[in-house]
């Protein structure tokens, strides 16, 4: 069973708040969970983050994998650093993905190159016919 630490949406329409839950990775986002370990209110200024440090650490020690957003919350509360201090190899296994845009291919300059090639071919043919 793949256990994940993830967000579960609660709250009204267009007023989201989230619970930080430990759940089976196969269960739906707002479905069955094993344990609630915190809350996250993104619409408050500053954002409200409340996570039970000891329970989060216990689940991380057991092998639960946080989602990217939950890992950011764990970093902001200091739980992730405590976990990295205990398990340096395990913590390095799950790094947040850095968004790197793919380089766009350079536009093909084939249109100007073709007439020049044709002109060169025509000049070569003219020289061959003069000889």
N, C-alpha and C. Protein backbone atom coordinates (compact mmCIF):
# COMPACT_ATOMS: atom_id res chain seq x y z
N UNK A 1 0.85 -1.17 0.00
CA UNK A 1 0.00 0.00 0.00
C UNK A 1 0.90 1.24 0.00
N UNK A 2 0.74 2.12 -1.01
CA UNK A 2 1.51 3.36 -1.10
C UNK A 2 0.78 4.44 -0.31
N UNK A 3 1.40 4.86 0.78
CA UNK A 3 0.79 5.87 1.63
C UNK A 3 1.31 7.23 1.22
N UNK A 4 0.40 8.18 1.06
CA UNK A 4 0.74 9.54 0.66
C UNK A 4 0.28 10.52 1.72
N UNK A 5 1.04 11.59 1.86
CA UNK A 5 0.60 12.72 2.67
C UNK A 5 0.18 13.77 1.67
N UNK A 6 -1.09 14.14 1.67
CA UNK A 6 -1.60 15.04 0.64
C UNK A 6 -2.68 15.95 1.19
N UNK A 7 -3.16 16.85 0.33
CA UNK A 7 -4.19 17.80 0.72
C UNK A 7 -5.57 17.25 0.35
N UNK A 8 -6.53 17.52 1.23
CA UNK A 8 -7.93 17.15 0.98
C UNK A 8 -8.74 18.44 1.04
N UNK A 9 -9.41 18.77 -0.03
CA UNK A 9 -10.12 20.04 -0.10
C UNK A 9 -11.40 20.00 0.72
N UNK A 10 -11.59 21.05 1.50
CA UNK A 10 -12.83 21.27 2.25
C UNK A 10 -13.17 22.74 2.09
N UNK A 11 -14.31 23.16 2.54
CA UNK A 11 -14.69 24.56 2.45
C UNK A 11 -15.72 24.79 1.36
N UNK A 12 -16.14 26.04 1.26
CA UNK A 12 -17.18 26.39 0.30
C UNK A 12 -16.63 26.56 -1.10
N UNK A 13 -17.55 26.74 -2.02
CA UNK A 13 -17.20 27.00 -3.41
C UNK A 13 -16.42 28.30 -3.50
N UNK A 14 -15.30 28.29 -4.17
CA UNK A 14 -14.40 29.43 -4.36
C UNK A 14 -13.79 29.95 -3.06
N UNK A 15 -13.89 29.19 -1.99
CA UNK A 15 -13.25 29.54 -0.72
C UNK A 15 -12.57 28.29 -0.18
N UNK A 16 -11.51 27.84 -0.84
CA UNK A 16 -10.93 26.56 -0.44
C UNK A 16 -10.14 26.65 0.86
N UNK A 17 -10.20 25.59 1.59
CA UNK A 17 -9.27 25.34 2.69
C UNK A 17 -9.00 23.84 2.60
N UNK A 18 -7.90 23.43 3.15
CA UNK A 18 -7.47 22.05 2.97
C UNK A 18 -7.11 21.41 4.30
N UNK A 19 -7.29 20.10 4.36
CA UNK A 19 -6.78 19.31 5.46
C UNK A 19 -5.56 18.58 4.94
N UNK A 20 -4.53 18.49 5.75
CA UNK A 20 -3.36 17.68 5.40
C UNK A 20 -3.64 16.30 5.96
N UNK A 21 -3.77 15.32 5.06
CA UNK A 21 -4.16 13.98 5.48
C UNK A 21 -3.14 12.95 5.02
N UNK A 22 -3.15 11.84 5.70
CA UNK A 22 -2.38 10.66 5.30
C UNK A 22 -3.41 9.70 4.72
N UNK A 23 -3.18 9.29 3.46
CA UNK A 23 -4.17 8.45 2.78
C UNK A 23 -3.47 7.45 1.89
N UNK A 24 -4.20 6.41 1.54
CA UNK A 24 -3.72 5.45 0.55
C UNK A 24 -3.66 6.18 -0.79
N UNK A 25 -2.61 5.96 -1.55
CA UNK A 25 -2.43 6.66 -2.81
C UNK A 25 -3.50 6.35 -3.84
N UNK A 26 -4.22 5.25 -3.67
CA UNK A 26 -5.26 4.86 -4.63
C UNK A 26 -6.60 5.48 -4.32
N UNK A 27 -6.80 6.03 -3.13
CA UNK A 27 -8.09 6.62 -2.78
C UNK A 27 -8.25 7.99 -3.42
N UNK A 28 -9.49 8.43 -3.68
CA UNK A 28 -9.69 9.72 -4.31
C UNK A 28 -9.26 10.89 -3.44
N UNK A 29 -9.07 12.06 -4.05
CA UNK A 29 -8.54 13.23 -3.35
C UNK A 29 -9.33 13.54 -2.08
N UNK A 30 -10.64 13.58 -2.19
CA UNK A 30 -11.47 13.93 -1.04
C UNK A 30 -12.13 12.70 -0.43
N UNK A 31 -11.58 11.53 -0.69
CA UNK A 31 -12.17 10.29 -0.21
C UNK A 31 -11.61 9.84 1.13
N UNK A 32 -11.49 8.55 1.26
CA UNK A 32 -11.06 7.94 2.52
C UNK A 32 -9.64 8.33 2.87
N UNK A 33 -9.40 8.57 4.14
CA UNK A 33 -8.06 8.90 4.63
C UNK A 33 -7.78 8.09 5.88
N UNK A 34 -6.51 8.02 6.24
CA UNK A 34 -6.10 7.27 7.42
C UNK A 34 -6.10 8.18 8.64
N UNK A 35 -5.53 9.38 8.49
CA UNK A 35 -5.40 10.29 9.63
C UNK A 35 -5.28 11.73 9.13
N UNK A 36 -5.87 12.67 9.87
CA UNK A 36 -5.71 14.09 9.60
C UNK A 36 -4.54 14.58 10.45
N UNK A 37 -3.56 15.19 9.81
CA UNK A 37 -2.39 15.66 10.57
C UNK A 37 -2.22 17.17 10.52
N UNK A 38 -3.12 17.89 9.83
CA UNK A 38 -2.97 19.33 9.81
C UNK A 38 -4.02 20.02 8.96
N UNK A 39 -3.86 21.35 8.87
CA UNK A 39 -4.76 22.19 8.09
C UNK A 39 -3.95 23.21 7.32
N UNK A 40 -4.52 23.66 6.18
CA UNK A 40 -3.86 24.67 5.35
C UNK A 40 -4.94 25.59 4.82
N UNK A 41 -4.81 26.88 5.11
CA UNK A 41 -5.74 27.89 4.62
C UNK A 41 -5.03 28.87 3.71
N UNK A 42 -5.05 28.65 2.39
CA UNK A 42 -4.29 29.49 1.48
C UNK A 42 -4.87 30.89 1.28
N UNK A 43 -6.14 31.10 1.57
CA UNK A 43 -6.76 32.39 1.29
C UNK A 43 -6.58 33.40 2.42
N UNK A 44 -6.08 32.96 3.53
CA UNK A 44 -5.84 33.90 4.63
C UNK A 44 -4.54 34.61 4.39
N UNK A 45 -4.39 35.80 4.96
CA UNK A 45 -3.16 36.57 4.78
C UNK A 45 -2.48 36.74 6.12
N UNK A 46 -1.34 36.18 6.42
CA UNK A 46 -0.60 35.19 5.65
C UNK A 46 -1.28 33.83 5.71
N UNK A 47 -0.91 32.95 4.83
CA UNK A 47 -1.53 31.62 4.75
C UNK A 47 -1.40 30.89 6.09
N UNK A 48 -2.49 30.24 6.49
CA UNK A 48 -2.50 29.49 7.74
C UNK A 48 -2.00 28.07 7.47
N UNK A 49 -0.93 27.68 8.14
CA UNK A 49 -0.40 26.32 8.03
C UNK A 49 -0.26 25.78 9.44
N UNK A 50 -0.97 24.69 9.71
CA UNK A 50 -0.93 24.08 11.03
C UNK A 50 -0.78 22.57 10.83
N UNK A 51 0.41 22.06 11.17
CA UNK A 51 0.69 20.64 10.98
C UNK A 51 1.22 20.07 12.30
N UNK A 52 0.71 18.90 12.68
CA UNK A 52 1.19 18.20 13.88
C UNK A 52 2.55 17.60 13.53
N UNK A 53 3.62 18.24 14.03
CA UNK A 53 4.98 17.86 13.67
C UNK A 53 5.28 16.39 13.98
N UNK A 54 4.92 15.95 15.16
CA UNK A 54 5.26 14.59 15.58
C UNK A 54 4.56 13.54 14.72
N UNK A 55 3.28 13.76 14.41
CA UNK A 55 2.56 12.79 13.58
C UNK A 55 3.10 12.79 12.15
N UNK A 56 3.43 13.98 11.63
CA UNK A 56 3.99 14.06 10.28
C UNK A 56 5.34 13.33 10.22
N UNK A 57 6.18 13.55 11.22
CA UNK A 57 7.47 12.87 11.26
C UNK A 57 7.30 11.36 11.38
N UNK A 58 6.34 10.93 12.19
CA UNK A 58 6.10 9.50 12.36
C UNK A 58 5.70 8.87 11.02
N UNK A 59 4.84 9.53 10.25
CA UNK A 59 4.43 8.98 8.97
C UNK A 59 5.57 9.02 7.95
N UNK A 60 6.37 10.08 7.97
CA UNK A 60 7.52 10.14 7.07
C UNK A 60 8.51 9.02 7.38
N UNK A 61 8.71 8.74 8.67
CA UNK A 61 9.62 7.65 9.06
C UNK A 61 9.09 6.30 8.58
N UNK A 62 7.77 6.18 8.52
CA UNK A 62 7.15 4.92 8.06
C UNK A 62 7.21 4.78 6.54
N UNK A 63 7.58 5.85 5.83
CA UNK A 63 7.72 5.76 4.39
C UNK A 63 6.64 6.46 3.59
N UNK A 64 5.80 7.25 4.25
CA UNK A 64 4.76 7.99 3.53
C UNK A 64 5.42 9.06 2.65
N UNK A 65 4.93 9.20 1.42
CA UNK A 65 5.49 10.14 0.47
C UNK A 65 4.61 11.39 0.39
N UNK A 66 5.17 12.57 0.67
CA UNK A 66 4.37 13.79 0.55
C UNK A 66 4.24 14.22 -0.91
N UNK A 67 3.12 14.85 -1.24
CA UNK A 67 2.98 15.45 -2.56
C UNK A 67 3.84 16.71 -2.61
N UNK A 68 3.98 17.31 -3.79
CA UNK A 68 4.83 18.50 -3.92
C UNK A 68 4.34 19.63 -3.02
N UNK A 69 3.04 19.90 -3.02
CA UNK A 69 2.51 21.01 -2.23
C UNK A 69 2.67 20.73 -0.74
N UNK A 70 2.44 19.52 -0.31
CA UNK A 70 2.59 19.19 1.10
C UNK A 70 4.06 19.29 1.50
N UNK A 71 4.96 18.90 0.61
CA UNK A 71 6.38 19.01 0.94
C UNK A 71 6.76 20.48 1.14
N UNK A 72 6.21 21.38 0.34
CA UNK A 72 6.47 22.81 0.53
C UNK A 72 5.96 23.27 1.89
N UNK A 73 4.80 22.77 2.29
CA UNK A 73 4.26 23.12 3.61
C UNK A 73 5.14 22.55 4.72
N UNK A 74 5.64 21.34 4.53
CA UNK A 74 6.52 20.74 5.53
C UNK A 74 7.83 21.52 5.64
N UNK A 75 8.33 22.02 4.52
CA UNK A 75 9.55 22.84 4.55
C UNK A 75 9.27 24.13 5.31
N UNK A 76 8.12 24.77 5.05
CA UNK A 76 7.82 26.05 5.71
C UNK A 76 7.62 25.90 7.21
N UNK A 77 7.16 24.72 7.66
CA UNK A 77 6.97 24.52 9.10
C UNK A 77 8.22 23.96 9.79
N UNK A 78 9.20 23.52 9.00
CA UNK A 78 10.44 23.00 9.57
C UNK A 78 10.46 21.51 9.79
N UNK A 79 9.38 20.82 9.46
CA UNK A 79 9.30 19.38 9.66
C UNK A 79 10.23 18.66 8.69
N UNK A 80 10.32 19.14 7.46
CA UNK A 80 11.13 18.47 6.45
C UNK A 80 12.61 18.51 6.83
N UNK A 81 13.08 19.63 7.40
CA UNK A 81 14.48 19.70 7.81
C UNK A 81 14.77 18.71 8.93
N UNK A 82 13.84 18.57 9.86
CA UNK A 82 14.03 17.59 10.94
C UNK A 82 14.10 16.18 10.37
N UNK A 83 13.25 15.88 9.40
CA UNK A 83 13.26 14.56 8.78
C UNK A 83 14.56 14.34 8.01
N UNK A 84 15.04 15.34 7.28
CA UNK A 84 16.30 15.22 6.54
C UNK A 84 17.47 14.99 7.47
N UNK A 85 17.43 15.63 8.65
CA UNK A 85 18.51 15.44 9.61
C UNK A 85 18.56 13.99 10.10
N UNK A 86 17.39 13.38 10.25
CA UNK A 86 17.33 11.99 10.72
C UNK A 86 17.67 10.99 9.61
N UNK A 87 17.16 11.24 8.41
CA UNK A 87 17.29 10.30 7.29
C UNK A 87 17.77 11.04 6.05
N UNK A 88 19.07 11.30 5.94
CA UNK A 88 19.55 12.08 4.79
C UNK A 88 19.33 11.39 3.45
N UNK A 89 19.42 10.07 3.38
CA UNK A 89 19.23 9.38 2.10
C UNK A 89 17.77 9.37 1.69
N UNK A 90 16.87 9.11 2.64
CA UNK A 90 15.45 9.04 2.32
C UNK A 90 14.91 10.40 1.94
N UNK A 91 15.38 11.46 2.57
CA UNK A 91 14.86 12.79 2.28
C UNK A 91 15.33 13.27 0.92
N UNK A 92 16.50 12.83 0.47
CA UNK A 92 16.99 13.24 -0.83
C UNK A 92 16.26 12.54 -1.97
N UNK A 93 15.52 11.49 -1.64
CA UNK A 93 14.82 10.70 -2.64
C UNK A 93 13.65 11.46 -3.25
N UNK A 94 13.05 12.36 -2.49
CA UNK A 94 11.85 13.04 -2.96
C UNK A 94 12.10 14.54 -2.95
N UNK A 95 12.56 15.07 -4.08
CA UNK A 95 12.85 16.49 -4.17
C UNK A 95 11.74 17.16 -4.96
N UNK A 96 11.44 18.41 -4.65
CA UNK A 96 10.43 19.09 -5.46
C UNK A 96 10.95 19.30 -6.87
N UNK A 97 10.09 19.17 -7.81
CA UNK A 97 10.50 19.32 -9.20
C UNK A 97 10.70 20.79 -9.52
N UNK A 98 11.79 21.09 -10.18
CA UNK A 98 12.02 22.45 -10.62
C UNK A 98 11.48 22.57 -12.03
N UNK A 99 10.71 23.60 -12.26
CA UNK A 99 10.12 23.79 -13.58
C UNK A 99 11.17 24.39 -14.50
N UNK A 100 11.54 23.64 -15.51
CA UNK A 100 12.49 24.14 -16.49
C UNK A 100 11.80 24.14 -17.84
N UNK A 101 11.62 25.31 -18.43
CA UNK A 101 10.93 25.34 -19.71
C UNK A 101 11.78 24.71 -20.80
N UNK A 102 11.13 24.03 -21.70
CA UNK A 102 11.83 23.38 -22.80
C UNK A 102 12.28 24.46 -23.78
N UNK A 103 13.50 24.36 -24.28
CA UNK A 103 13.95 25.36 -25.26
C UNK A 103 13.19 25.19 -26.57
N UNK A 104 12.82 26.33 -27.14
CA UNK A 104 12.09 26.30 -28.40
C UNK A 104 13.09 26.09 -29.53
N UNK A 105 12.73 25.29 -30.52
CA UNK A 105 13.65 25.10 -31.65
C UNK A 105 13.79 26.39 -32.44
N UNK A 106 14.98 26.64 -32.95
CA UNK A 106 15.22 27.84 -33.73
C UNK A 106 14.43 27.76 -35.03
N UNK A 107 13.87 28.89 -35.47
CA UNK A 107 13.11 28.85 -36.72
C UNK A 107 14.03 28.47 -37.88
N UNK A 108 13.52 27.64 -38.73
CA UNK A 108 14.32 27.14 -39.85
C UNK A 108 14.54 28.26 -40.87
N UNK A 109 15.77 28.50 -41.23
CA UNK A 109 16.10 29.51 -42.22
C UNK A 109 16.30 28.84 -43.57
N UNK A 110 15.45 27.87 -43.87
CA UNK A 110 15.59 27.09 -45.09
C UNK A 110 15.14 27.88 -46.31
N UNK A 111 14.18 28.79 -46.17
CA UNK A 111 13.67 29.52 -47.32
C UNK A 111 14.76 30.37 -47.99
N UNK A 112 15.56 31.18 -47.26
CA UNK A 112 16.59 31.96 -47.94
C UNK A 112 17.73 31.09 -48.45
N UNK A 113 17.99 29.97 -47.82
CA UNK A 113 19.11 29.12 -48.22
C UNK A 113 18.84 28.42 -49.54
N UNK A 114 17.61 28.07 -49.84
CA UNK A 114 17.28 27.35 -51.06
C UNK A 114 17.52 28.17 -52.32
N UNK A 115 17.07 29.45 -52.39
CA UNK A 115 17.33 30.20 -53.62
C UNK A 115 18.83 30.39 -53.85
N UNK A 116 19.61 30.55 -52.79
CA UNK A 116 21.04 30.70 -52.96
C UNK A 116 21.63 29.42 -53.53
N UNK A 117 21.14 28.27 -53.08
CA UNK A 117 21.63 27.00 -53.58
C UNK A 117 21.25 26.85 -55.06
N UNK A 118 20.05 27.29 -55.43
CA UNK A 118 19.62 27.20 -56.82
C UNK A 118 20.48 28.10 -57.69
N UNK A 119 20.81 29.29 -57.18
CA UNK A 119 21.64 30.22 -57.95
C UNK A 119 23.03 29.60 -58.16
N UNK A 120 23.55 28.95 -57.14
CA UNK A 120 24.84 28.29 -57.26
C UNK A 120 24.79 27.17 -58.29
N UNK A 121 23.69 26.43 -58.31
CA UNK A 121 23.53 25.35 -59.27
C UNK A 121 23.47 25.91 -60.69
N UNK A 122 22.78 27.01 -60.85
CA UNK A 122 22.65 27.63 -62.17
C UNK A 122 24.02 28.12 -62.65
N UNK A 123 24.83 28.68 -61.74
CA UNK A 123 26.16 29.16 -62.11
C UNK A 123 27.05 27.99 -62.50
N UNK A 124 26.94 26.88 -61.79
CA UNK A 124 27.74 25.70 -62.10
C UNK A 124 27.36 25.14 -63.46
N UNK A 125 26.08 25.15 -63.77
CA UNK A 125 25.61 24.66 -65.07
C UNK A 125 26.11 25.56 -66.19
N UNK A 126 26.13 26.89 -65.95
CA UNK A 126 26.59 27.83 -66.98
C UNK A 126 28.05 27.60 -67.26
N UNK A 127 28.86 27.37 -66.23
CA UNK A 127 30.28 27.13 -66.42
C UNK A 127 30.49 25.82 -67.19
N UNK A 128 29.69 24.81 -66.88
CA UNK A 128 29.84 23.52 -67.55
C UNK A 128 29.47 23.64 -69.03
N UNK A 129 28.48 24.46 -69.38
CA UNK A 129 28.08 24.58 -70.77
C UNK A 129 29.08 25.41 -71.58
N UNK A 130 29.77 26.36 -70.92
CA UNK A 130 30.79 27.17 -71.62
C UNK A 130 32.02 26.34 -71.93
N UNK A 131 32.34 25.36 -71.14
CA UNK A 131 33.56 24.58 -71.35
C UNK A 131 33.48 23.64 -72.49
